[in-house]
Amino acid sequence: MAFKPGKSGNPQGRPKGALNQTTRAAQELLDGEAPELTRRCIELAKQGNLIALRLCLERLIPVLRELPLSLSLPKVEGAADLAGRCFAAGPIRNFRLNILKNSL
């Protein structure tokens, strides 16, 4: 029996927080091993293992995303004025160019 267009066999979707079988299996295998694995990773990092060091640092210091931008904007008269003022101020990094593009 085929589903009607726009209707699936599970209209409510996967429940929030539901884990797939692979994730559940991995959690069961690692259950209770986390402290020992963590200690071993730290030991390897101290011995100079760069992969272990990276894992430790990524957990301590989250990957830096864009920092909040705080600025005061002058009154602009339309999209062309806004774009002109932005480019007149100097180079614009890609992420800020995307913000500008999306605001026009």
Protein backbone atom coordinates (compact mmCIF):
# COMPACT_ATOMS: atom_id res chain seq x y z
CA MET A 1 0.00 0.00 0.00
CA ALA A 2 1.51 3.31 -1.08
CA PHE A 3 1.35 6.40 1.09
CA LYS A 4 -0.62 9.40 -0.06
CA PRO A 5 1.51 12.30 -1.34
CA GLY A 6 2.73 14.41 1.58
CA LYS A 7 1.87 11.72 4.14
CA SER A 8 4.43 9.31 5.56
CA GLY A 9 3.92 6.12 7.52
CA ASN A 10 5.12 7.97 10.62
CA PRO A 11 3.70 11.50 10.52
CA GLN A 12 5.03 12.38 13.99
CA GLY A 13 8.59 11.39 13.05
CA ARG A 14 11.26 10.02 15.35
CA PRO A 15 10.68 10.94 18.99
CA LYS A 16 13.05 13.55 20.40
CA GLY A 17 16.03 11.98 22.09
CA ALA A 18 15.57 8.61 20.37
CA LEU A 19 18.91 6.97 19.55
CA ASN A 20 19.60 4.76 16.56
CA GLN A 21 20.80 1.19 17.02
CA THR A 22 24.45 1.98 16.29
CA THR A 23 24.57 4.72 18.91
CA ARG A 24 22.88 2.47 21.49
CA ALA A 25 25.31 -0.37 20.74
CA ALA A 26 28.33 1.95 21.08
CA GLN A 27 27.03 3.30 24.38
CA GLU A 28 26.55 -0.22 25.73
CA LEU A 29 30.09 -1.21 24.72
CA LEU A 30 31.62 1.88 26.33
CA ASP A 31 29.40 1.81 29.44
CA GLY A 32 31.66 2.13 32.46
CA GLU A 33 34.82 2.51 30.36
CA ALA A 34 34.74 6.30 29.99
CA PRO A 35 36.97 7.15 33.00
CA GLU A 36 39.66 4.66 31.95
CA LEU A 37 39.53 5.75 28.28
CA THR A 38 39.70 9.40 29.29
CA ARG A 39 42.70 8.81 31.55
CA ARG A 40 44.47 6.87 28.75
CA CYS A 41 43.80 9.66 26.25
CA ILE A 42 45.27 12.21 28.66
CA GLU A 43 48.35 10.01 29.21
CA LEU A 44 48.87 9.67 25.45
CA ALA A 45 48.51 13.43 25.00
CA LYS A 46 51.16 14.03 27.68
CA GLN A 47 53.47 11.61 25.84
CA GLY A 48 53.19 13.69 22.70
CA ASN A 49 50.43 11.89 20.78
CA LEU A 50 49.05 14.76 18.70
CA ILE A 51 45.69 13.11 18.02
CA ALA A 52 45.11 12.50 21.73
CA LEU A 53 46.24 16.04 22.49
CA ARG A 54 43.79 17.42 19.94
CA LEU A 55 40.94 15.35 21.43
CA CYS A 56 41.74 16.64 24.92
CA LEU A 57 42.01 20.27 23.81
CA GLU A 58 38.82 20.14 21.77
CA ARG A 59 36.96 19.01 24.88
CA LEU A 60 38.53 21.68 27.07
CA ILE A 61 38.29 24.58 24.62
CA PRO A 62 35.33 24.45 22.23
CA VAL A 63 36.01 25.27 18.60
CA LEU A 64 35.88 29.04 18.28
CA ARG A 65 32.98 30.21 16.20
CA GLU A 66 32.44 33.78 15.15
CA LEU A 67 32.68 36.26 17.98
CA PRO A 68 29.71 38.54 18.60
CA LEU A 69 29.95 41.73 16.61
CA SER A 70 29.13 44.94 18.40
CA LEU A 71 28.90 48.14 16.40
CA SER A 72 26.79 51.20 15.92
CA LEU A 73 25.34 51.65 12.47
CA PRO A 74 24.61 54.96 10.80
CA LYS A 75 21.21 55.58 9.28
CA VAL A 76 21.12 54.19 5.74
CA GLU A 77 18.85 55.06 2.87
CA GLY A 78 18.21 51.74 1.15
CA ALA A 79 20.19 48.68 0.10
CA ALA A 80 22.56 50.47 -2.26
CA ASP A 81 23.55 52.94 0.47
CA LEU A 82 24.11 50.06 2.91
CA ALA A 83 26.32 48.13 0.47
CA GLY A 84 28.28 51.25 -0.44
CA ARG A 85 29.00 52.10 3.18
CA CYS A 86 30.08 48.52 3.97
CA PHE A 87 32.54 48.28 1.10
CA ALA A 88 33.87 51.80 1.70
CA ALA A 89 34.92 50.74 5.21
CA GLY A 90 37.52 48.29 3.86
CA PRO A 91 37.78 44.54 3.31
CA ILE A 92 34.88 42.39 4.45
CA ARG A 93 35.43 38.78 5.55
CA ASN A 94 33.25 36.11 3.97
CA PHE A 95 30.95 35.52 6.94
CA ARG A 96 30.18 39.25 7.22
CA LEU A 97 29.62 39.44 3.47
CA ASN A 98 27.04 36.65 3.85
CA ILE A 99 25.30 38.60 6.58
CA LEU A 100 25.20 41.64 4.34
CA LYS A 101 23.97 39.59 1.39
CA ASN A 102 21.20 38.02 3.47
CA SER A 103 20.06 41.40 4.79
CA LEU A 104 19.55 42.93 1.35
